[in-house]
Amino acid sequence: MGTVHAIERLNGRTFEFTYVSLAMTRSTIEDEPLPLESSPGFELWTTFSRQCTKLHLDLRCNKARWVHLFPPFYALTHLEIINPANGVTSTMLARIDRGCPLISLKVMQLRTTTIIKFGSILGQLKRLYVSTRIQKLFGKLLPLLGNVEELSLRIPPILRRRVPLTAFYVPKNTILPNLTTLEAPGSLVGLLPPFVLKRITRLTVLRPSIMSLNSGHNEAENPPLLLPCLVHLTLCGVWEDLLSIDAPNLHQLVLESNSKVNEYQSKYALTRLRPSILRMTYLSSFCTVLSVVEDSEDSISPFKHVQELHIESFFSSGVDKDLIPALAKPILPQLKHLVITTPMNNEDVIKKWMSKMRMVADRRAEMGMQPLITTRFNVRDEKIF
């Protein structure tokens, strides 16, 4: 009854509720996570109906037969369902009243297409996050998302031989008129029409890459996708898409690696991207980039406008061994700010690094490069200097 008493003490105020399934097997609490009875004069389920604004259900494949107990929701703005069994998603959406102000929906491991039956709910969403193995779902889903501003679609890879068939399911009419933030596999991003791409300001490209749609990089036959409003781009293990995107107003580029060493090829210097902020998740990946990039003007062109560099080192020795010597090369000529995240909370070591960084800054100044203005070390998101 602890949860009931906590809700009762809110005295009419709104609340957020999270339920996490304890096990894969059925148990009493799995069948009935909230008691059907509470103190006299207090109706728990009516309270849910009027006061719950955010609801998170992590079911871990539990059938959750109790979801039918939820009344219609009138205050819910955010709904998240993880691992819903068949029928759970539709049951919950059916309990969202037409006047319910739902703006955010997240369904992970969606197993059916029943979500598309709730067009009125989908049409009012501002944010939608869907993870599913149903590839054809998105073709029917996209036309229903008239107000969506943030969209995350994690779907199976679109194979090159299935591109013509998959493209058939992408609506050709005006869709996603308000979309500005997108996370999706590159093989889906590459199929979106230009009138959608031109409005996107933040893009995260997942595997497989945009380039996977093509037989190879031939700019005459496969020109880069033009995203004129894009300011933030994240490439998750698909560095080849440096050649697939043209974003003249790009401000920040994030290169995430699926391994501690990610290949950087010299041909990537042909990219049209010119970010001013560069983030990399692995120090070893960054040092690999610097080892491949030559000192010629053409080779460093993707990096010549970078003023701020954020990198993460999982091994403290890498800072001393690889990074400091690499930064003394005539690469990143405009670099002003450096932020390094390390796993080490040792002030003596960091002070030694800082001393060497000052030597690097002097060396860069002698070579005619922009001097380093700030250098900061973070330890597990904790600011040290």
Protein backbone atom coordinates (compact mmCIF):
# COMPACT_ATOMS: atom_id res chain seq x y z
CA MET A 1 0.00 0.00 0.00
CA GLY A 2 3.05 2.32 0.07
CA THR A 3 2.48 3.48 -3.50
CA VAL A 4 -1.19 4.14 -2.83
CA HIS A 5 -0.43 6.23 0.25
CA ALA A 6 2.20 8.20 -1.65
CA ILE A 7 -0.29 9.02 -4.40
CA GLU A 8 -2.97 9.86 -1.85
CA ARG A 9 -0.66 12.33 -0.08
CA LEU A 10 -0.30 14.32 -3.30
CA ASN A 11 -3.69 15.85 -2.52
CA GLY A 12 -4.76 16.28 -6.10
CA ARG A 13 -1.39 17.22 -7.58
CA THR A 14 -0.16 15.59 -10.79
CA PHE A 15 2.41 12.79 -10.71
CA GLU A 16 4.63 10.52 -12.82
CA PHE A 17 4.35 6.74 -12.41
CA THR A 18 6.89 4.06 -13.40
CA TYR A 19 6.27 0.32 -13.29
CA VAL A 20 9.09 -2.17 -13.94
CA SER A 21 8.32 -5.87 -14.21
CA LEU A 22 10.35 -7.85 -11.68
CA ALA A 23 10.64 -11.14 -13.54
CA MET A 24 9.75 -13.02 -16.67
CA THR A 25 7.56 -15.42 -14.73
CA ARG A 26 4.11 -14.61 -13.45
CA SER A 27 3.60 -13.65 -9.85
CA THR A 28 0.99 -11.95 -7.72
CA ILE A 29 2.54 -8.52 -8.16
CA GLU A 30 2.84 -9.10 -11.92
CA ASP A 31 -0.88 -9.80 -12.17
CA GLU A 32 -1.81 -6.90 -9.92
CA PRO A 33 0.88 -4.20 -9.48
CA LEU A 34 -1.55 -1.89 -7.74
CA PRO A 35 -4.19 -2.95 -5.23
CA LEU A 36 -7.80 -2.76 -6.30
CA GLU A 37 -8.78 -1.37 -2.91
CA SER A 38 -7.43 1.59 -1.00
CA SER A 39 -8.41 3.71 1.97
CA PRO A 40 -12.05 4.80 2.31
CA GLY A 41 -12.91 7.84 0.25
CA PHE A 42 -9.87 7.48 -2.03
CA GLU A 43 -10.31 5.98 -5.49
CA LEU A 44 -6.88 5.02 -6.80
CA TRP A 45 -7.80 4.39 -10.41
CA THR A 46 -9.80 7.60 -10.67
CA THR A 47 -6.74 9.42 -9.36
CA PHE A 48 -4.71 7.85 -12.15
CA SER A 49 -7.28 9.06 -14.61
CA ARG A 50 -7.16 12.69 -13.49
CA GLN A 51 -3.65 13.24 -12.11
CA CYS A 52 -1.11 10.94 -13.82
CA THR A 53 0.75 12.96 -16.47
CA LYS A 54 3.63 10.57 -17.27
CA LEU A 55 3.37 6.78 -17.31
CA HIS A 56 6.29 4.37 -17.90
CA LEU A 57 5.66 0.62 -18.21
CA ASP A 58 8.64 -1.73 -18.52
CA LEU A 59 6.92 -5.08 -18.92
CA ARG A 60 9.84 -7.33 -19.89
CA CYS A 61 7.56 -9.52 -22.00
CA ASN A 62 5.03 -9.86 -19.17
CA LYS A 63 1.50 -10.19 -20.51
CA ALA A 64 0.29 -7.56 -18.04
CA ARG A 65 -3.33 -8.64 -17.95
CA TRP A 66 -3.97 -5.89 -15.42
CA VAL A 67 -3.62 -3.03 -17.93
CA HIS A 68 -7.36 -3.23 -18.60
CA LEU A 69 -7.83 -1.86 -15.07
CA PHE A 70 -6.55 1.56 -16.10
CA PRO A 71 -9.40 4.02 -16.64
CA PRO A 72 -9.47 6.55 -19.49
CA PHE A 73 -6.65 9.08 -19.07
CA TYR A 74 -7.39 12.78 -19.10
CA ALA A 75 -4.07 14.34 -17.99
CA LEU A 76 -1.48 12.05 -19.58
CA THR A 77 1.17 13.84 -21.65
CA HIS A 78 3.89 11.14 -21.86
CA LEU A 79 3.45 7.38 -22.30
CA GLU A 80 6.29 4.86 -22.52
CA ILE A 81 5.81 1.11 -23.01
CA ILE A 82 8.78 -1.25 -23.17
CA ASN A 83 8.37 -4.85 -24.35
CA PRO A 84 4.58 -4.82 -24.73
CA ALA A 85 2.92 -8.17 -25.27
CA ASN A 86 0.31 -8.42 -28.00
CA GLY A 87 -2.66 -6.25 -27.14
CA VAL A 88 -0.96 -4.10 -24.50
CA THR A 89 -0.22 -1.11 -26.75
CA SER A 90 -3.71 -1.00 -28.23
CA THR A 91 -5.28 -1.45 -24.79
CA MET A 92 -3.36 1.52 -23.39
CA LEU A 93 -3.97 3.76 -26.40
CA ALA A 94 -7.67 2.96 -26.23
CA ARG A 95 -7.69 4.45 -22.73
CA ILE A 96 -6.36 7.79 -23.87
CA ASP A 97 -9.33 10.09 -24.05
CA ARG A 98 -9.80 12.26 -27.11
CA GLY A 99 -9.22 15.26 -24.90
CA CYS A 100 -6.05 13.75 -23.39
CA PRO A 101 -3.06 16.06 -24.01
CA LEU A 102 -0.66 13.26 -24.99
CA ILE A 103 2.36 14.72 -26.80
CA SER A 104 5.02 12.01 -26.36
CA LEU A 105 4.75 8.28 -27.08
CA LYS A 106 7.54 5.71 -26.83
CA VAL A 107 7.00 2.04 -27.68
CA MET A 108 10.04 -0.24 -27.62
CA GLN A 109 9.92 -3.72 -29.18
CA LEU A 110 6.55 -3.14 -30.84
CA ARG A 111 5.28 -6.45 -32.17
CA THR A 112 2.12 -5.52 -34.10
CA THR A 113 0.88 -2.79 -36.45
CA THR A 114 -2.18 -1.92 -34.36
CA ILE A 115 -0.65 1.44 -33.45
CA ILE A 116 -1.70 2.82 -36.84
CA LYS A 117 -5.36 2.34 -35.89
CA PHE A 118 -5.05 5.28 -33.49
CA GLY A 119 -4.65 8.03 -36.06
CA SER A 120 -6.19 10.75 -33.89
CA ILE A 121 -3.66 10.09 -31.12
CA LEU A 122 -0.70 9.87 -33.51
CA GLY A 123 -1.82 13.07 -35.19
CA GLN A 124 -1.45 15.13 -32.00
CA LEU A 125 1.97 13.80 -30.94
CA LYS A 126 5.02 16.06 -30.82
CA ARG A 127 7.46 13.21 -30.12
CA LEU A 128 7.33 9.56 -31.20
CA TYR A 129 9.90 6.83 -30.51
CA VAL A 130 9.30 3.38 -32.00
CA SER A 131 11.46 0.26 -31.99
CA THR A 132 10.09 -2.62 -34.05
CA ARG A 133 11.03 -5.45 -36.38
CA ILE A 134 8.09 -4.66 -38.67
CA GLN A 135 9.70 -2.94 -41.64
CA LYS A 136 6.52 -2.04 -43.53
CA LEU A 137 5.07 -0.19 -40.55
CA PHE A 138 6.72 3.15 -41.25
CA GLY A 139 5.07 3.56 -44.66
CA LYS A 140 1.63 3.58 -43.05
CA LEU A 141 2.82 5.45 -39.98
CA LEU A 142 4.47 8.52 -41.53
CA PRO A 143 1.32 10.08 -43.06
CA LEU A 144 -0.35 10.05 -39.62
CA LEU A 145 2.33 12.17 -37.93
CA GLY A 146 1.16 15.64 -38.89
CA ASN A 147 2.42 17.35 -35.71
CA VAL A 148 5.50 15.27 -34.88
CA GLU A 149 8.63 17.34 -34.33
CA GLU A 150 10.91 14.57 -32.96
CA LEU A 151 10.86 11.10 -34.49
CA SER A 152 12.96 8.04 -33.65
CA LEU A 153 12.49 4.93 -35.78
CA ARG A 154 14.55 1.83 -35.06
CA ILE A 155 13.60 -0.68 -37.72
CA PRO A 156 15.33 -3.62 -39.45
CA PRO A 157 17.92 -2.83 -42.14
CA ILE A 158 16.66 -2.10 -45.63
CA LEU A 159 18.67 -4.31 -47.96
CA ARG A 160 19.82 -2.88 -51.28
CA ARG A 161 17.86 -5.47 -53.26
CA ARG A 162 14.68 -4.44 -51.44
CA VAL A 163 15.10 -0.68 -51.93
CA PRO A 164 12.61 -0.45 -54.85
CA LEU A 165 9.99 -2.34 -52.87
CA THR A 166 10.64 -0.38 -49.68
CA ALA A 167 10.59 2.95 -51.51
CA PHE A 168 7.10 2.04 -52.71
CA TYR A 169 5.88 2.30 -49.12
CA VAL A 170 7.32 5.78 -48.56
CA PRO A 171 4.46 8.25 -49.10
CA LYS A 172 5.05 10.67 -51.95
CA ASN A 173 2.62 13.30 -50.69
CA THR A 174 3.46 15.96 -48.12
CA ILE A 175 4.37 14.15 -44.90
CA LEU A 176 5.98 15.08 -41.60
CA PRO A 177 5.43 18.83 -42.11
CA ASN A 178 6.76 19.73 -38.65
CA LEU A 179 9.64 17.25 -38.34
CA THR A 180 12.91 18.83 -37.15
CA THR A 181 14.63 16.00 -35.22
CA LEU A 182 15.11 12.53 -36.70
CA GLU A 183 16.84 9.32 -35.57
CA ALA A 184 16.66 6.50 -38.11
CA PRO A 185 18.73 4.01 -40.10
CA GLY A 186 20.55 5.62 -43.00
CA SER A 187 18.76 3.27 -45.37
CA LEU A 188 15.49 4.95 -44.36
CA VAL A 189 16.85 8.50 -44.25
CA GLY A 190 18.01 8.09 -47.84
CA LEU A 191 14.47 7.27 -48.98
CA LEU A 192 12.81 10.35 -47.47
CA PRO A 193 11.74 13.03 -49.96
CA PRO A 194 13.64 16.34 -50.10
CA PHE A 195 10.75 18.36 -48.68
CA VAL A 196 11.13 16.38 -45.43
CA LEU A 197 14.92 16.53 -45.30
CA LYS A 198 15.08 20.27 -45.85
CA ARG A 199 13.37 20.97 -42.50
CA ILE A 200 15.53 18.69 -40.31
CA THR A 201 17.85 20.47 -37.87
CA ARG A 202 19.07 17.45 -35.83
CA LEU A 203 19.80 14.07 -37.41
CA THR A 204 21.12 10.80 -35.98
CA VAL A 205 22.01 8.18 -38.59
CA LEU A 206 21.99 4.55 -37.45
CA ARG A 207 23.20 1.46 -39.29
CA PRO A 208 22.96 0.65 -42.12
CA SER A 209 24.35 3.76 -43.76
CA ILE A 210 22.76 5.99 -46.35
CA MET A 211 25.49 4.84 -48.70
CA SER A 212 24.27 1.24 -48.35
CA LEU A 213 21.44 2.18 -50.72
CA ASN A 214 23.96 2.80 -53.50
CA SER A 215 26.39 0.50 -55.28
CA GLY A 216 29.22 2.88 -54.44
CA HIS A 217 30.07 6.55 -54.02
CA ASN A 218 29.55 8.23 -57.35
CA GLU A 219 28.54 11.83 -56.76
CA ALA A 220 27.25 12.25 -60.30
CA GLU A 221 24.81 9.35 -59.92
CA ASN A 222 24.26 9.58 -56.16
CA PRO A 223 24.67 13.19 -55.02
CA PRO A 224 24.78 13.84 -51.26
CA LEU A 225 21.48 14.46 -49.51
CA LEU A 226 20.98 18.18 -49.07
CA LEU A 227 19.93 19.20 -45.55
CA PRO A 228 20.10 23.01 -45.56
CA CYS A 229 18.81 23.48 -42.00
CA LEU A 230 20.87 20.72 -40.34
CA VAL A 231 22.98 22.01 -37.43
CA HIS A 232 23.61 18.79 -35.44
CA LEU A 233 24.60 15.46 -37.02
CA THR A 234 25.41 12.17 -35.28
CA LEU A 235 26.83 9.24 -37.24
CA CYS A 236 26.59 6.00 -35.25
CA GLY A 237 29.24 3.75 -36.74
CA VAL A 238 28.42 4.93 -40.27
CA TRP A 239 31.36 7.23 -40.93
CA GLU A 240 31.04 6.54 -44.67
CA ASP A 241 28.03 8.83 -44.57
CA LEU A 242 30.41 11.75 -44.26
CA LEU A 243 30.17 11.51 -48.05
CA SER A 244 26.38 11.12 -48.15
CA ILE A 245 25.29 14.40 -46.57
CA ASP A 246 25.62 18.02 -47.60
CA ALA A 247 24.77 20.33 -44.69
CA PRO A 248 26.10 23.86 -45.32
CA ASN A 249 24.94 25.12 -41.91
CA LEU A 250 26.22 22.20 -39.82
CA HIS A 251 27.47 23.30 -36.41
CA GLN A 252 28.18 20.07 -34.52
CA LEU A 253 29.31 16.66 -35.76
CA VAL A 254 29.30 13.59 -33.49
CA LEU A 255 31.19 10.50 -34.66
CA GLU A 256 30.17 7.50 -32.58
CA SER A 257 32.04 4.26 -33.03
CA ASN A 258 30.73 0.75 -32.53
CA SER A 259 34.22 -0.34 -31.54
CA LYS A 260 37.29 1.21 -29.98
CA VAL A 261 38.90 1.52 -33.39
CA ASN A 262 36.86 2.76 -36.33
CA GLU A 263 38.35 3.07 -39.79
CA TYR A 264 38.78 6.54 -41.20
CA GLN A 265 39.55 6.52 -44.89
CA SER A 266 41.41 9.25 -46.71
CA LYS A 267 38.56 9.58 -49.21
CA TYR A 268 36.39 11.03 -46.42
CA ALA A 269 38.29 14.27 -46.96
CA LEU A 270 35.91 14.79 -49.90
CA THR A 271 33.04 15.41 -47.49
CA ARG A 272 31.23 18.72 -47.77
CA LEU A 273 30.72 18.91 -44.01
CA ARG A 274 32.53 21.71 -42.16
CA PRO A 275 31.53 21.51 -38.48
CA SER A 276 32.78 23.92 -35.84
CA ILE A 277 32.26 21.41 -32.99
CA LEU A 278 33.48 17.80 -33.21
CA ARG A 279 32.62 15.06 -30.70
CA MET A 280 34.13 11.57 -30.75
CA THR A 281 33.29 8.72 -28.41
CA TYR A 282 36.67 6.98 -28.54
CA LEU A 283 40.08 8.62 -28.21
CA SER A 284 41.60 5.77 -30.23
CA SER A 285 39.20 6.56 -33.06
CA PHE A 286 40.25 10.20 -33.02
CA CYS A 287 43.93 9.28 -33.07
CA THR A 288 43.22 6.94 -35.98
CA VAL A 289 41.74 9.91 -37.83
CA LEU A 290 44.82 12.01 -37.14
CA SER A 291 47.14 9.22 -38.26
CA VAL A 292 45.35 8.93 -41.61
CA VAL A 293 44.87 12.63 -42.25
CA GLU A 294 47.88 14.15 -43.93
CA ASP A 295 49.07 17.69 -43.42
CA SER A 296 47.90 18.86 -46.83
CA GLU A 297 45.15 21.45 -47.14
CA ASP A 298 42.84 19.06 -49.00
CA SER A 299 43.27 16.31 -46.43
CA ILE A 300 42.42 18.45 -43.40
CA SER A 301 39.49 20.24 -45.04
CA PRO A 302 36.79 18.40 -43.01
CA PHE A 303 38.47 19.62 -39.81
CA LYS A 304 39.81 23.02 -40.69
CA HIS A 305 36.84 24.89 -39.18
CA VAL A 306 36.64 22.86 -35.94
CA GLN A 307 36.95 25.22 -32.98
CA GLU A 308 35.77 22.89 -30.20
CA LEU A 309 36.74 19.24 -29.72
CA HIS A 310 35.14 16.80 -27.26
CA ILE A 311 36.64 13.33 -26.96
CA GLU A 312 36.27 10.44 -24.54
CA SER A 313 39.16 8.26 -23.42
CA PHE A 314 38.43 4.93 -21.75
CA PHE A 315 42.12 4.40 -20.99
CA SER A 316 44.00 7.22 -19.29
CA SER A 317 47.29 6.21 -20.94
CA GLY A 318 45.89 7.21 -24.31
CA VAL A 319 45.88 10.90 -23.41
CA ASP A 320 49.60 10.90 -22.65
CA LYS A 321 50.64 8.48 -25.39
CA ASP A 322 48.45 9.40 -28.36
CA LEU A 323 46.45 12.58 -27.97
CA ILE A 324 49.06 15.09 -26.84
CA PRO A 325 51.54 14.27 -29.65
CA ALA A 326 48.70 14.19 -32.20
CA LEU A 327 47.49 17.67 -31.33
CA ALA A 328 50.97 19.02 -32.05
CA LYS A 329 50.39 18.22 -35.73
CA PRO A 330 49.07 20.94 -38.06
CA ILE A 331 45.57 19.51 -37.99
CA LEU A 332 42.53 21.27 -36.52
CA PRO A 333 44.16 24.63 -37.23
CA GLN A 334 41.26 26.63 -35.74
CA LEU A 335 40.92 24.60 -32.52
CA LYS A 336 40.29 26.84 -29.49
CA HIS A 337 38.58 24.62 -26.91
CA LEU A 338 39.40 21.04 -25.91
CA VAL A 339 37.30 18.87 -23.55
CA ILE A 340 38.56 15.41 -22.59
CA THR A 341 36.55 12.88 -20.59
CA THR A 342 38.67 10.23 -18.86
CA PRO A 343 37.98 7.43 -16.37
CA MET A 344 40.71 8.69 -14.07
CA ASN A 345 40.19 10.90 -11.02
CA ASN A 346 43.86 11.58 -10.33
CA GLU A 347 44.67 15.26 -9.99
CA ASP A 348 48.45 14.68 -10.18
CA VAL A 349 48.15 12.92 -13.53
CA ILE A 350 45.74 15.52 -14.87
CA LYS A 351 48.10 18.32 -13.80
CA LYS A 352 50.87 16.56 -15.73
CA TRP A 353 48.60 16.40 -18.76
CA MET A 354 47.76 20.07 -18.37
CA SER A 355 51.46 20.93 -18.32
CA LYS A 356 52.02 18.98 -21.54
CA MET A 357 48.96 20.61 -23.08
CA ARG A 358 50.52 24.00 -22.50
CA MET A 359 53.59 22.78 -24.40
CA VAL A 360 51.29 21.61 -27.20
CA ALA A 361 49.59 25.02 -27.24
CA ASP A 362 52.97 26.72 -27.57
CA ARG A 363 53.94 24.35 -30.36
CA ARG A 364 50.68 25.03 -32.23
CA ALA A 365 51.23 28.78 -31.90
CA GLU A 366 54.74 28.41 -33.36
CA MET A 367 53.21 26.60 -36.34
CA GLY A 368 50.81 29.47 -36.95
CA MET A 369 47.69 27.68 -35.74
CA GLN A 370 44.95 29.06 -33.54
CA PRO A 371 46.16 28.90 -29.90
CA LEU A 372 44.25 26.72 -27.45
CA ILE A 373 42.20 29.00 -25.21
CA THR A 374 40.68 26.42 -22.86
CA THR A 375 41.49 22.81 -21.98
CA ARG A 376 39.17 20.94 -19.64
CA PHE A 377 39.28 17.42 -18.21
CA ASN A 378 36.07 15.72 -17.12
CA VAL A 379 35.86 12.56 -15.03
CA ARG A 380 32.57 10.71 -15.44
CA ASP A 381 30.74 13.94 -16.16
CA GLU A 382 32.46 15.55 -13.18
CA LYS A 383 34.29 18.75 -14.00
CA ILE A 384 37.85 18.69 -12.64
CA PHE A 385 39.41 21.80 -14.13
